[in-house]
């Protein structure tokens, strides 16, 4: 005789929301692993002051787009039940972004 598991929709929703939160935290961890809060503030200030060289500005802009893509990825990933620790589930870090962040 097959076993029937009876869980309420609310109970299942709690599980999904826990996984979504796990994905959000992994997103944050991955972003800060590339560019911590201090580097983000320093880069934004340098950009606002016009102190970035043209090549640095292009890399900075690609980094901002990457952060946007990362933030757009975590909720759908969580709702789909995907593994947030699998690198394949995240946008790739653009070339030069980690090196630029390390300078700041």
Foldseek 3Di string as FASTA:
>chain_A
DDDDDDDDPVVVVVVLVVLLVVLVVLLVVVLCVLANPVLVVVVVVCVVVVNDDPVLVVLVVLSVVQNVQSVVQRNVCSNVVHDSVDPVSGDDRDPPSSVSNVVD
